[in-house]
C-alpha atoms as a PDB file:
ATOM      1  CA  MET A   1     129.801   7.068 -71.130  1.00  0.00           C
ATOM      2  CA  ALA A   2     128.301   7.467 -67.635  1.00  0.00           C
ATOM      3  CA  LEU A   3     125.933  10.341 -65.831  1.00  0.00           C
ATOM      4  CA  GLN A   4     126.676  12.424 -62.778  1.00  0.00           C
ATOM      5  CA  SER A   5     123.668  13.236 -60.396  1.00  0.00           C
ATOM      6  CA  SER A   6     123.125  13.202 -56.663  1.00  0.00           C
ATOM      7  CA  ILE A   7     121.674  10.531 -54.844  1.00  0.00           C
ATOM      8  CA  THR A   8     119.780  10.196 -51.763  1.00  0.00           C
ATOM      9  CA  GLU A   9     119.251   6.845 -50.212  1.00  0.00           C
ATOM     10  CA  THR A  10     117.656   5.395 -46.803  1.00  0.00           C
ATOM     11  CA  ARG A  11     118.912   2.410 -45.382  1.00  0.00           C
ATOM     12  CA  GLN A  12     116.957  -0.391 -43.061  1.00  0.00           C
ATOM     13  CA  HIS A  13     118.225   0.128 -39.436  1.00  0.00           C
ATOM     14  CA  PHE A  14     119.852   3.716 -40.107  1.00  0.00           C
ATOM     15  CA  THR A  15     118.314   6.878 -38.974  1.00  0.00           C
ATOM     16  CA  GLY A  16     118.673   9.902 -41.521  1.00  0.00           C
ATOM     17  CA  GLN A  17     119.457   9.867 -45.262  1.00  0.00           C
ATOM     18  CA  LEU A  18     122.834   8.802 -47.337  1.00  0.00           C
ATOM     19  CA  VAL A  19     123.565  11.617 -49.599  1.00  0.00           C
ATOM     20  CA  CYS A  20     125.968  11.620 -52.402  1.00  0.00           C
ATOM     21  CA  ASN A  21     125.839  15.101 -54.453  1.00  0.00           C
ATOM     22  CA  SER A  22     128.067  13.748 -57.000  1.00  0.00           C
ATOM     23  CA  ALA A  23     127.297   9.978 -57.868  1.00  0.00           C
ATOM     24  CA  TYR A  24     128.669   8.401 -60.920  1.00  0.00           C
ATOM     25  CA  TRP A  25     125.773   6.568 -62.549  1.00  0.00           C
ATOM     26  CA  ARG A  26     126.981   3.573 -65.142  1.00  0.00           C
ATOM     27  CA  ILE A  27     125.155   1.092 -66.959  1.00  0.00           C
ATOM     28  CA  ASP A  28     126.861  -2.137 -66.270  1.00  0.00           C
ATOM     29  CA  GLN A  29     124.507  -4.576 -67.762  1.00  0.00           C
ATOM     30  CA  ILE A  30     122.297  -4.844 -71.025  1.00  0.00           C
ATOM     31  CA  ILE A  31     119.847  -7.574 -71.866  1.00  0.00           C
ATOM     32  CA  TRP A  32     118.304  -7.395 -75.350  1.00  0.00           C
ATOM     33  CA  ASN A  33     115.178  -9.367 -76.172  1.00  0.00           C
ATOM     34  CA  LYS A  34     112.383  -9.332 -78.748  1.00  0.00           C
ATOM     35  CA  GLN A  35     110.373  -6.947 -76.110  1.00  0.00           C
ATOM     36  CA  GLY A  36     113.083  -4.501 -75.961  1.00  0.00           C
ATOM     37  CA  LEU A  37     116.102  -3.638 -73.963  1.00  0.00           C
ATOM     38  CA  THR A  38     116.365  -3.879 -70.144  1.00  0.00           C
ATOM     39  CA  PHE A  39     119.658  -2.614 -68.478  1.00  0.00           C
ATOM     40  CA  VAL A  40     120.933  -2.292 -65.147  1.00  0.00           C
ATOM     41  CA  VAL A  41     122.321   1.067 -63.969  1.00  0.00           C
ATOM     42  CA  ASN A  42     124.401   1.338 -60.796  1.00  0.00           C
ATOM     43  CA  ALA A  43     125.374   4.439 -58.764  1.00  0.00           C
ATOM     44  CA  TYR A  44     128.804   4.843 -57.210  1.00  0.00           C
ATOM     45  CA  ALA A  45     130.424   7.213 -55.039  1.00  0.00           C
ATOM     46  CA  THR A  46     133.045   7.711 -57.750  1.00  0.00           C
ATOM     47  CA  ASN A  47     133.846   6.263 -60.883  1.00  0.00           C
ATOM     48  CA  GLN A  48     136.216   3.664 -58.850  1.00  0.00           C
ATOM     49  CA  GLY A  49     134.360   3.903 -55.480  1.00  0.00           C
ATOM     50  CA  PRO A  50     132.051   1.730 -53.969  1.00  0.00           C
ATOM     51  CA  MET A  51     128.471   0.919 -55.620  1.00  0.00           C
ATOM     52  CA  LEU A  52     125.647   2.905 -53.801  1.00  0.00           C
ATOM     53  CA  TYR A  53     122.648   1.773 -55.498  1.00  0.00           C
ATOM     54  CA  SER A  54     121.312  -0.193 -58.433  1.00  0.00           C
ATOM     55  CA  ASP A  55     118.217  -0.308 -60.456  1.00  0.00           C
ATOM     56  CA  LYS A  56     116.941  -1.878 -63.595  1.00  0.00           C
ATOM     57  CA  PHE A  57     114.639   0.081 -66.522  1.00  0.00           C
ATOM     58  CA  SER A  58     113.543  -1.258 -69.811  1.00  0.00           C
ATOM     59  CA  PHE A  59     112.595   0.721 -73.048  1.00  0.00           C
ATOM     60  CA  ALA A  60     112.085  -0.006 -76.593  1.00  0.00           C
ATOM     61  CA  PRO A  61     115.067   1.423 -78.699  1.00  0.00           C
ATOM     62  CA  GLU A  62     115.430   2.443 -82.310  1.00  0.00           C
ATOM     63  CA  LEU A  63     117.062   0.028 -84.489  1.00  0.00           C
ATOM     64  CA  ASP A  64     118.264   2.750 -86.897  1.00  0.00           C
ATOM     65  CA  GLY A  65     118.999   5.014 -83.904  1.00  0.00           C
ATOM     66  CA  ASP A  66     122.289   5.420 -81.838  1.00  0.00           C
ATOM     67  CA  ASN A  67     124.066   2.720 -80.271  1.00  0.00           C
ATOM     68  CA  PHE A  68     121.860   0.989 -77.770  1.00  0.00           C
ATOM     69  CA  ILE A  69     124.028   2.221 -74.922  1.00  0.00           C
ATOM     70  CA  LYS A  70     123.915   5.695 -75.861  1.00  0.00           C
ATOM     71  CA  GLN A  71     119.859   5.350 -76.341  1.00  0.00           C
ATOM     72  CA  ALA A  72     119.857   3.821 -72.751  1.00  0.00           C
ATOM     73  CA  TYR A  73     121.629   7.299 -71.326  1.00  0.00           C
ATOM     74  CA  GLN A  74     119.345   9.343 -73.202  1.00  0.00           C
ATOM     75  CA  PHE A  75     116.114   7.107 -71.899  1.00  0.00           C
ATOM     76  CA  LEU A  76     117.454   7.694 -68.152  1.00  0.00           C
ATOM     77  CA  LYS A  77     117.724  11.647 -68.547  1.00  0.00           C
ATOM     78  CA  THR A  78     113.893  11.531 -69.496  1.00  0.00           C
ATOM     79  CA  LEU A  79     113.317  10.115 -66.156  1.00  0.00           C
ATOM     80  CA  PRO A  80     112.330  12.768 -63.345  1.00  0.00           C
ATOM     81  CA  GLU A  81     115.081  11.016 -61.252  1.00  0.00           C
ATOM     82  CA  PHE A  82     117.622  11.764 -63.677  1.00  0.00           C
ATOM     83  CA  SER A  83     116.448  15.248 -64.819  1.00  0.00           C
ATOM     84  CA  ASP A  84     119.570  17.109 -63.521  1.00  0.00           C
ATOM     85  CA  ALA A  85     122.036  14.261 -64.687  1.00  0.00           C
ATOM     86  CA  ALA A  86     125.045  15.779 -66.622  1.00  0.00           C
ATOM     87  CA  ASP A  87     126.921  13.572 -69.139  1.00  0.00           C
ATOM     88  CA  CYS A  88     130.637  12.730 -67.444  1.00  0.00           C
END
Protein backbone atom coordinates (compact mmCIF):
# COMPACT_ATOMS: atom_id res chain seq x y z
CA MET A 1 0.00 0.00 0.00
CA ALA A 2 1.09 3.57 -0.66
CA LEU A 3 -0.42 6.95 -1.45
CA GLN A 4 -0.14 9.16 -4.49
CA SER A 5 -0.30 12.91 -4.08
CA SER A 6 1.44 16.04 -5.27
CA ILE A 7 4.37 17.59 -3.44
CA THR A 8 5.78 21.09 -3.69
CA GLU A 9 9.12 21.79 -2.07
CA THR A 10 11.49 24.70 -1.79
CA ARG A 11 15.19 24.03 -1.28
CA GLN A 12 17.89 26.17 0.23
CA HIS A 13 20.09 27.92 -2.36
CA PHE A 14 17.52 27.32 -5.15
CA THR A 15 14.95 29.76 -6.52
CA GLY A 16 11.44 28.62 -7.30
CA GLN A 17 9.81 25.40 -6.22
CA LEU A 18 10.21 21.72 -6.98
CA VAL A 19 6.89 20.17 -7.98
CA CYS A 20 6.00 16.51 -8.43
CA ASN A 21 2.33 16.12 -9.34
CA SER A 22 2.13 12.40 -8.63
CA ALA A 23 4.60 11.63 -5.87
CA TYR A 24 4.61 8.11 -4.42
CA TRP A 25 4.27 8.28 -0.60
CA ARG A 26 5.40 5.16 1.26
CA ILE A 27 5.69 4.37 4.96
CA ASP A 28 9.22 3.07 5.35
CA GLN A 29 9.63 2.85 9.12
CA ILE A 30 7.33 2.18 12.08
CA ILE A 31 8.23 2.59 15.75
CA TRP A 32 5.81 1.29 18.38
CA ASN A 33 5.99 2.09 22.10
CA LYS A 34 3.65 2.59 25.05
CA GLN A 35 2.77 6.12 23.93
CA GLY A 36 1.62 5.02 20.47
CA LEU A 37 2.93 4.56 16.99
CA THR A 38 5.43 6.78 15.19
CA PHE A 39 6.14 6.28 11.52
CA VAL A 40 8.30 7.77 8.79
CA VAL A 41 6.70 8.46 5.42
CA ASN A 42 8.89 9.21 2.42
CA ALA A 43 7.88 10.74 -0.90
CA TYR A 44 9.45 9.41 -4.08
CA ALA A 45 9.26 10.67 -7.67
CA THR A 46 8.02 7.18 -8.63
CA ASN A 47 7.70 3.90 -6.74
CA GLN A 48 11.32 3.16 -7.72
CA GLY A 49 12.53 6.76 -8.03
CA PRO A 50 14.68 9.02 -5.89
CA MET A 51 13.39 10.15 -2.49
CA LEU A 52 12.09 13.72 -2.55
CA TYR A 53 10.92 14.29 1.01
CA SER A 54 10.67 12.61 4.41
CA ASP A 55 8.54 13.33 7.48
CA LYS A 56 7.62 11.70 10.78
CA PHE A 57 4.14 11.39 12.31
CA SER A 58 2.66 9.90 15.49
CA PHE A 59 -0.78 8.69 16.47
CA ALA A 60 -2.50 6.24 18.83
CA PRO A 61 -3.70 3.24 16.80
CA GLU A 62 -6.72 1.18 17.70
CA LEU A 63 -5.40 -2.11 19.04
CA ASP A 64 -8.42 -4.07 17.81
CA GLY A 65 -8.64 -2.23 14.47
CA ASP A 66 -6.96 -2.81 11.11
CA ASN A 67 -3.24 -3.57 11.01
CA PHE A 68 -1.01 -0.71 12.12
CA ILE A 69 0.34 0.04 8.65
CA LYS A 70 -3.15 0.43 7.21
CA GLN A 71 -4.13 2.61 10.18
CA ALA A 72 -1.05 4.78 9.56
CA TYR A 73 -2.08 5.37 5.93
CA GLN A 74 -5.64 6.13 7.06
CA PHE A 75 -4.23 8.60 9.61
CA LEU A 76 -2.22 10.36 6.88
CA LYS A 77 -5.36 10.85 4.80
CA THR A 78 -6.97 12.77 7.69
CA LEU A 79 -4.23 15.43 7.51
CA PRO A 80 -4.75 18.51 5.30
CA GLU A 81 -1.56 17.91 3.32
CA PHE A 82 -2.81 14.44 2.32
CA SER A 83 -6.49 15.28 1.80
CA ASP A 84 -6.18 14.75 -1.97
CA ALA A 85 -4.09 11.56 -1.69
CA ALA A 86 -5.22 8.45 -3.54
CA ASP A 87 -4.45 4.86 -2.63
CA CYS A 88 -2.05 3.10 -4.96
